[in-house]
């Protein structure tokens, strides 16, 4: 499972709010909702968030292994 929990921490550290992502950077509300619910997003969106936040992929998302698969 992919979780976007690190994103919210990184945003707080960088002083960028969800409102700023929406109003200043053109990230739409439905994408923010997808991130809050840990749903799939496109790789170019991850790239865009990394650019906006000046961070690495690991600062936005984390992989948590699904133990039922193994």
PDB file of N, CA and C in Angstrom:
ATOM      1  N   UNK A   1       0.843  -1.169   0.000  1.00  0.00           N
ATOM      2  CA  UNK A   1       0.000   0.000   0.000  1.00  0.00           C
ATOM      3  C   UNK A   1       0.893   1.238   0.000  1.00  0.00           C
ATOM      4  N   UNK A   2       0.466   2.246  -0.733  1.00  0.00           N
ATOM      5  CA  UNK A   2       1.160   3.527  -0.743  1.00  0.00           C
ATOM      6  C   UNK A   2       0.400   4.484   0.162  1.00  0.00           C
ATOM      7  N   UNK A   3       1.124   5.155   1.030  1.00  0.00           N
ATOM      8  CA  UNK A   3       0.518   6.162   1.893  1.00  0.00           C
ATOM      9  C   UNK A   3       1.182   7.513   1.622  1.00  0.00           C
ATOM     10  N   UNK A   4       0.387   8.546   1.673  1.00  0.00           N
ATOM     11  CA  UNK A   4       0.901   9.894   1.461  1.00  0.00           C
ATOM     12  C   UNK A   4       1.071  10.636   2.786  1.00  0.00           C
ATOM     13  N   UNK A   5       1.160   9.921   3.878  1.00  0.00           N
ATOM     14  CA  UNK A   5       1.366  10.541   5.192  1.00  0.00           C
ATOM     15  C   UNK A   5       2.600  11.441   5.238  1.00  0.00           C
ATOM     16  N   UNK A   6       3.720  11.039   4.612  1.00  0.00           N
ATOM     17  CA  UNK A   6       4.887  11.929   4.637  1.00  0.00           C
ATOM     18  C   UNK A   6       4.630  13.285   3.962  1.00  0.00           C
ATOM     19  N   UNK A   7       3.705  13.318   3.017  1.00  0.00           N
ATOM     20  CA  UNK A   7       3.389  14.575   2.322  1.00  0.00           C
ATOM     21  C   UNK A   7       2.938  15.644   3.294  1.00  0.00           C
ATOM     22  N   UNK A   8       2.054  15.287   4.197  1.00  0.00           N
ATOM     23  CA  UNK A   8       1.489  16.276   5.113  1.00  0.00           C
ATOM     24  C   UNK A   8       2.560  16.805   6.072  1.00  0.00           C
ATOM     25  N   UNK A   9       3.485  15.949   6.465  1.00  0.00           N
ATOM     26  CA  UNK A   9       4.592  16.372   7.330  1.00  0.00           C
ATOM     27  C   UNK A   9       5.503  17.328   6.558  1.00  0.00           C
ATOM     28  N   UNK A  10       5.833  16.968   5.320  1.00  0.00           N
ATOM     29  CA  UNK A  10       6.701  17.801   4.483  1.00  0.00           C
ATOM     30  C   UNK A  10       6.054  19.149   4.216  1.00  0.00           C
ATOM     31  N   UNK A  11       4.762  19.147   3.934  1.00  0.00           N
ATOM     32  CA  UNK A  11       4.063  20.407   3.695  1.00  0.00           C
ATOM     33  C   UNK A  11       4.137  21.304   4.922  1.00  0.00           C
ATOM     34  N   UNK A  12       3.952  20.731   6.087  1.00  0.00           N
ATOM     35  CA  UNK A  12       4.012  21.512   7.322  1.00  0.00           C
ATOM     36  C   UNK A  12       5.410  22.088   7.526  1.00  0.00           C
ATOM     37  N   UNK A  13       6.429  21.261   7.299  1.00  0.00           N
ATOM     38  CA  UNK A  13       7.816  21.717   7.451  1.00  0.00           C
ATOM     39  C   UNK A  13       8.152  22.842   6.479  1.00  0.00           C
ATOM     40  N   UNK A  14       7.592  22.777   5.266  1.00  0.00           N
ATOM     41  CA  UNK A  14       7.868  23.782   4.238  1.00  0.00           C
ATOM     42  C   UNK A  14       6.941  24.986   4.333  1.00  0.00           C
ATOM     43  N   UNK A  15       5.924  24.895   5.187  1.00  0.00           N
ATOM     44  CA  UNK A  15       4.988  26.006   5.350  1.00  0.00           C
ATOM     45  C   UNK A  15       4.033  26.176   4.189  1.00  0.00           C
ATOM     46  N   UNK A  16       3.713  25.069   3.518  1.00  0.00           N
ATOM     47  CA  UNK A  16       2.772  25.106   2.387  1.00  0.00           C
ATOM     48  C   UNK A  16       1.497  24.373   2.789  1.00  0.00           C
ATOM     49  N   UNK A  17       0.370  25.050   2.678  1.00  0.00           N
ATOM     50  CA  UNK A  17      -0.916  24.484   3.065  1.00  0.00           C
ATOM     51  C   UNK A  17      -1.617  23.857   1.870  1.00  0.00           C
ATOM     52  N   UNK A  18      -2.651  23.083   2.160  1.00  0.00           N
ATOM     53  CA  UNK A  18      -3.484  22.530   1.088  1.00  0.00           C
ATOM     54  C   UNK A  18      -4.124  23.671   0.303  1.00  0.00           C
ATOM     55  N   UNK A  19      -4.508  24.715   0.995  1.00  0.00           N
ATOM     56  CA  UNK A  19      -5.116  25.876   0.340  1.00  0.00           C
ATOM     57  C   UNK A  19      -4.126  26.506  -0.643  1.00  0.00           C
ATOM     58  N   UNK A  20      -2.872  26.593  -0.254  1.00  0.00           N
ATOM     59  CA  UNK A  20      -1.846  27.138  -1.142  1.00  0.00           C
ATOM     60  C   UNK A  20      -1.654  26.251  -2.367  1.00  0.00           C
ATOM     61  N   UNK A  21      -1.651  24.937  -2.159  1.00  0.00           N
ATOM     62  CA  UNK A  21      -1.534  24.023  -3.307  1.00  0.00           C
ATOM     63  C   UNK A  21      -2.666  24.261  -4.294  1.00  0.00           C
ATOM     64  N   UNK A  22      -3.850  24.488  -3.771  1.00  0.00           N
ATOM     65  CA  UNK A  22      -5.029  24.691  -4.618  1.00  0.00           C
ATOM     66  C   UNK A  22      -4.992  26.061  -5.307  1.00  0.00           C
ATOM     67  N   UNK A  23      -4.730  27.108  -4.553  1.00  0.00           N
ATOM     68  CA  UNK A  23      -4.848  28.463  -5.107  1.00  0.00           C
ATOM     69  C   UNK A  23      -3.599  28.937  -5.835  1.00  0.00           C
ATOM     70  N   UNK A  24      -2.422  28.615  -5.324  1.00  0.00           N
ATOM     71  CA  UNK A  24      -1.189  29.141  -5.909  1.00  0.00           C
ATOM     72  C   UNK A  24      -0.534  28.210  -6.920  1.00  0.00           C
ATOM     73  N   UNK A  25      -0.748  26.905  -6.757  1.00  0.00           N
ATOM     74  CA  UNK A  25      -0.040  25.949  -7.607  1.00  0.00           C
ATOM     75  C   UNK A  25      -0.951  25.140  -8.535  1.00  0.00           C
ATOM     76  N   UNK A  26      -2.250  25.383  -8.480  1.00  0.00           N
ATOM     77  CA  UNK A  26      -3.168  24.737  -9.414  1.00  0.00           C
ATOM     78  C   UNK A  26      -3.434  23.269  -9.157  1.00  0.00           C
ATOM     79  N   UNK A  27      -3.166  22.790  -7.959  1.00  0.00           N
ATOM     80  CA  UNK A  27      -3.499  21.404  -7.604  1.00  0.00           C
ATOM     81  C   UNK A  27      -4.993  21.385  -7.284  1.00  0.00           C
ATOM     82  N   UNK A  28      -5.766  20.590  -8.023  1.00  0.00           N
ATOM     83  CA  UNK A  28      -7.218  20.656  -7.815  1.00  0.00           C
ATOM     84  C   UNK A  28      -7.668  19.911  -6.563  1.00  0.00           C
ATOM     85  N   UNK A  29      -8.841  20.259  -6.136  1.00  0.00           N
ATOM     86  CA  UNK A  29      -9.373  19.715  -4.878  1.00  0.00           C
ATOM     87  C   UNK A  29      -9.576  18.211  -4.926  1.00  0.00           C
ATOM     88  N   UNK A  30      -9.948  17.689  -6.081  1.00  0.00           N
ATOM     89  CA  UNK A  30     -10.159  16.241  -6.163  1.00  0.00           C
ATOM     90  C   UNK A  30      -8.836  15.492  -5.991  1.00  0.00           C
ATOM     91  N   UNK A  31      -7.742  16.065  -6.471  1.00  0.00           N
ATOM     92  CA  UNK A  31      -6.431  15.442  -6.271  1.00  0.00           C
ATOM     93  C   UNK A  31      -6.055  15.481  -4.792  1.00  0.00           C
ATOM     94  N   UNK A  32      -6.304  16.590  -4.127  1.00  0.00           N
ATOM     95  CA  UNK A  32      -6.032  16.667  -2.693  1.00  0.00           C
ATOM     96  C   UNK A  32      -6.843  15.626  -1.935  1.00  0.00           C
ATOM     97  N   UNK A  33      -8.076  15.412  -2.358  1.00  0.00           N
ATOM     98  CA  UNK A  33      -8.915  14.390  -1.728  1.00  0.00           C
ATOM     99  C   UNK A  33      -8.326  13.005  -1.956  1.00  0.00           C
ATOM    100  N   UNK A  34      -7.828  12.737  -3.155  1.00  0.00           N
ATOM    101  CA  UNK A  34      -7.206  11.442  -3.462  1.00  0.00           C
ATOM    102  C   UNK A  34      -5.976  11.227  -2.573  1.00  0.00           C
ATOM    103  N   UNK A  35      -5.209  12.276  -2.370  1.00  0.00           N
ATOM    104  CA  UNK A  35      -4.026  12.180  -1.513  1.00  0.00           C
ATOM    105  C   UNK A  35      -4.421  11.908  -0.066  1.00  0.00           C
ATOM    106  N   UNK A  36      -5.450  12.590   0.412  1.00  0.00           N
ATOM    107  CA  UNK A  36      -5.907  12.376   1.799  1.00  0.00           C
ATOM    108  C   UNK A  36      -6.387  10.950   2.010  1.00  0.00           C
ATOM    109  N   UNK A  37      -6.962  10.349   0.958  1.00  0.00           N
ATOM    110  CA  UNK A  37      -7.515   8.999   1.063  1.00  0.00           C
ATOM    111  C   UNK A  37      -6.545   7.917   0.583  1.00  0.00           C
ATOM    112  N   UNK A  38      -5.298   8.305   0.319  1.00  0.00           N
ATOM    113  CA  UNK A  38      -4.253   7.368  -0.148  1.00  0.00           C
ATOM    114  C   UNK A  38      -4.668   6.601  -1.393  1.00  0.00           C
ATOM    115  N   UNK A  39      -5.326   7.276  -2.307  1.00  0.00           N
ATOM    116  CA  UNK A  39      -5.723   6.656  -3.572  1.00  0.00           C
ATOM    117  C   UNK A  39      -4.637   6.885  -4.612  1.00  0.00           C
ATOM    118  N   UNK A  40      -4.755   6.181  -5.743  1.00  0.00           N
ATOM    119  CA  UNK A  40      -3.765   6.286  -6.812  1.00  0.00           C
ATOM    120  C   UNK A  40      -3.707   7.695  -7.389  1.00  0.00           C
ATOM    121  N   UNK A  41      -2.480   8.114  -7.681  1.00  0.00           N
ATOM    122  CA  UNK A  41      -2.261   9.362  -8.407  1.00  0.00           C
ATOM    123  C   UNK A  41      -1.230   9.074  -9.489  1.00  0.00           C
ATOM    124  N   UNK A  42      -1.095   9.971 -10.443  1.00  0.00           N
ATOM    125  CA  UNK A  42      -0.163   9.768 -11.543  1.00  0.00           C
ATOM    126  C   UNK A  42       1.259  10.145 -11.118  1.00  0.00           C
ATOM    127  N   UNK A  43       2.218   9.544 -11.779  1.00  0.00           N
ATOM    128  CA  UNK A  43       3.619   9.792 -11.471  1.00  0.00           C
ATOM    129  C   UNK A  43       3.975  11.256 -11.739  1.00  0.00           C
ATOM    130  N   UNK A  44       3.403  11.842 -12.793  1.00  0.00           N
ATOM    131  CA  UNK A  44       3.719  13.246 -13.061  1.00  0.00           C
ATOM    132  C   UNK A  44       3.205  14.157 -11.947  1.00  0.00           C
ATOM    133  N   UNK A  45       2.175  13.730 -11.216  1.00  0.00           N
ATOM    134  CA  UNK A  45       1.683  14.488 -10.069  1.00  0.00           C
ATOM    135  C   UNK A  45       2.706  14.428  -8.929  1.00  0.00           C
ATOM    136  N   UNK A  46       3.289  13.255  -8.720  1.00  0.00           N
ATOM    137  CA  UNK A  46       4.335  13.108  -7.705  1.00  0.00           C
ATOM    138  C   UNK A  46       5.509  14.025  -8.069  1.00  0.00           C
ATOM    139  N   UNK A  47       5.881  14.034  -9.331  1.00  0.00           N
ATOM    140  CA  UNK A  47       6.966  14.893  -9.811  1.00  0.00           C
ATOM    141  C   UNK A  47       6.637  16.369  -9.557  1.00  0.00           C
ATOM    142  N   UNK A  48       5.426  16.749  -9.853  1.00  0.00           N
ATOM    143  CA  UNK A  48       4.992  18.137  -9.659  1.00  0.00           C
ATOM    144  C   UNK A  48       5.032  18.526  -8.177  1.00  0.00           C
ATOM    145  N   UNK A  49       4.548  17.645  -7.308  1.00  0.00           N
ATOM    146  CA  UNK A  49       4.581  17.917  -5.871  1.00  0.00           C
ATOM    147  C   UNK A  49       6.022  18.035  -5.364  1.00  0.00           C
ATOM    148  N   UNK A  50       6.901  17.173  -5.858  1.00  0.00           N
ATOM    149  CA  UNK A  50       8.315  17.249  -5.473  1.00  0.00           C
ATOM    150  C   UNK A  50       8.924  18.587  -5.897  1.00  0.00           C
ATOM    151  N   UNK A  51       8.546  19.063  -7.065  1.00  0.00           N
ATOM    152  CA  UNK A  51       9.039  20.350  -7.554  1.00  0.00           C
ATOM    153  C   UNK A  51       8.506  21.492  -6.695  1.00  0.00           C
ATOM    154  N   UNK A  52       7.209  21.470  -6.417  1.00  0.00           N
ATOM    155  CA  UNK A  52       6.591  22.518  -5.602  1.00  0.00           C
ATOM    156  C   UNK A  52       7.213  22.569  -4.221  1.00  0.00           C
ATOM    157  N   UNK A  53       7.404  21.398  -3.608  1.00  0.00           N
ATOM    158  CA  UNK A  53       7.899  21.327  -2.236  1.00  0.00           C
ATOM    159  C   UNK A  53       9.427  21.262  -2.140  1.00  0.00           C
ATOM    160  N   UNK A  54      10.084  21.173  -3.306  1.00  0.00           N
ATOM    161  CA  UNK A  54      11.540  21.062  -3.355  1.00  0.00           C
ATOM    162  C   UNK A  54      12.009  19.924  -2.435  1.00  0.00           C
ATOM    163  N   UNK A  55      11.490  18.719  -2.737  1.00  0.00           N
ATOM    164  CA  UNK A  55      11.789  17.567  -1.894  1.00  0.00           C
ATOM    165  C   UNK A  55      11.960  16.315  -2.749  1.00  0.00           C
ATOM    166  N   UNK A  56      12.206  15.203  -2.090  1.00  0.00           N
ATOM    167  CA  UNK A  56      12.363  13.910  -2.758  1.00  0.00           C
ATOM    168  C   UNK A  56      11.051  13.131  -2.694  1.00  0.00           C
ATOM    169  N   UNK A  57      10.943  12.108  -3.500  1.00  0.00           N
ATOM    170  CA  UNK A  57       9.748  11.260  -3.527  1.00  0.00           C
ATOM    171  C   UNK A  57       9.454  10.692  -2.143  1.00  0.00           C
ATOM    172  N   UNK A  58      10.478  10.286  -1.427  1.00  0.00           N
ATOM    173  CA  UNK A  58      10.303   9.701  -0.093  1.00  0.00           C
ATOM    174  C   UNK A  58       9.697  10.695   0.898  1.00  0.00           C
ATOM    175  N   UNK A  59       9.788  11.974   0.581  1.00  0.00           N
ATOM    176  CA  UNK A  59       9.209  13.001   1.441  1.00  0.00           C
ATOM    177  C   UNK A  59       7.713  13.181   1.193  1.00  0.00           C
ATOM    178  N   UNK A  60       7.212  12.504   0.169  1.00  0.00           N
ATOM    179  CA  UNK A  60       5.802  12.635  -0.210  1.00  0.00           C
ATOM    180  C   UNK A  60       5.021  11.350   0.015  1.00  0.00           C
ATOM    181  N   UNK A  61       5.658  10.229  -0.252  1.00  0.00           N
ATOM    182  CA  UNK A  61       4.932   8.959  -0.157  1.00  0.00           C
ATOM    183  C   UNK A  61       5.806   7.865   0.437  1.00  0.00           C
ATOM    184  N   UNK A  62       5.124   6.828   0.926  1.00  0.00           N
ATOM    185  CA  UNK A  62       5.816   5.698   1.551  1.00  0.00           C
ATOM    186  C   UNK A  62       5.096   4.411   1.169  1.00  0.00           C
ATOM    187  N   UNK A  63       5.875   3.380   0.919  1.00  0.00           N
ATOM    188  CA  UNK A  63       5.310   2.068   0.634  1.00  0.00           C
ATOM    189  C   UNK A  63       5.236   1.265   1.930  1.00  0.00           C
ATOM    190  N   UNK A  64       4.069   0.745   2.200  1.00  0.00           N
ATOM    191  CA  UNK A  64       3.867  -0.141   3.356  1.00  0.00           C
ATOM    192  C   UNK A  64       3.496  -1.507   2.797  1.00  0.00           C
ATOM    193  N   UNK A  65       4.336  -2.522   3.021  1.00  0.00           N
ATOM    194  CA  UNK A  65       4.068  -3.843   2.461  1.00  0.00           C
ATOM    195  C   UNK A  65       2.727  -4.412   2.945  1.00  0.00           C
ATOM    196  N   UNK A  66       2.039  -5.057   2.020  1.00  0.00           N
ATOM    197  CA  UNK A  66       0.791  -5.729   2.346  1.00  0.00           C
ATOM    198  C   UNK A  66       1.133  -7.172   2.709  1.00  0.00           C
ATOM    199  N   UNK A  67       0.985  -7.513   3.944  1.00  0.00           N
ATOM    200  CA  UNK A  67       1.394  -8.827   4.421  1.00  0.00           C
ATOM    201  C   UNK A  67       0.510  -9.964   3.911  1.00  0.00           C
ATOM    202  N   UNK A  68      -0.666  -9.654   3.397  1.00  0.00           N
ATOM    203  CA  UNK A  68      -1.554 -10.714   2.899  1.00  0.00           C
ATOM    204  C   UNK A  68      -1.097 -11.220   1.534  1.00  0.00           C
ATOM    205  N   UNK A  69      -0.252 -10.470   0.845  1.00  0.00           N
ATOM    206  CA  UNK A  69       0.237 -10.860  -0.479  1.00  0.00           C
ATOM    207  C   UNK A  69       1.283 -11.946  -0.362  1.00  0.00           C
ATOM    208  N   UNK A  70       2.056 -11.944   0.674  1.00  0.00           N
ATOM    209  CA  UNK A  70       3.178 -12.878   0.801  1.00  0.00           C
ATOM    210  C   UNK A  70       2.742 -14.210   1.304  1.00  0.00           C
TER     211      UNK A  70
END
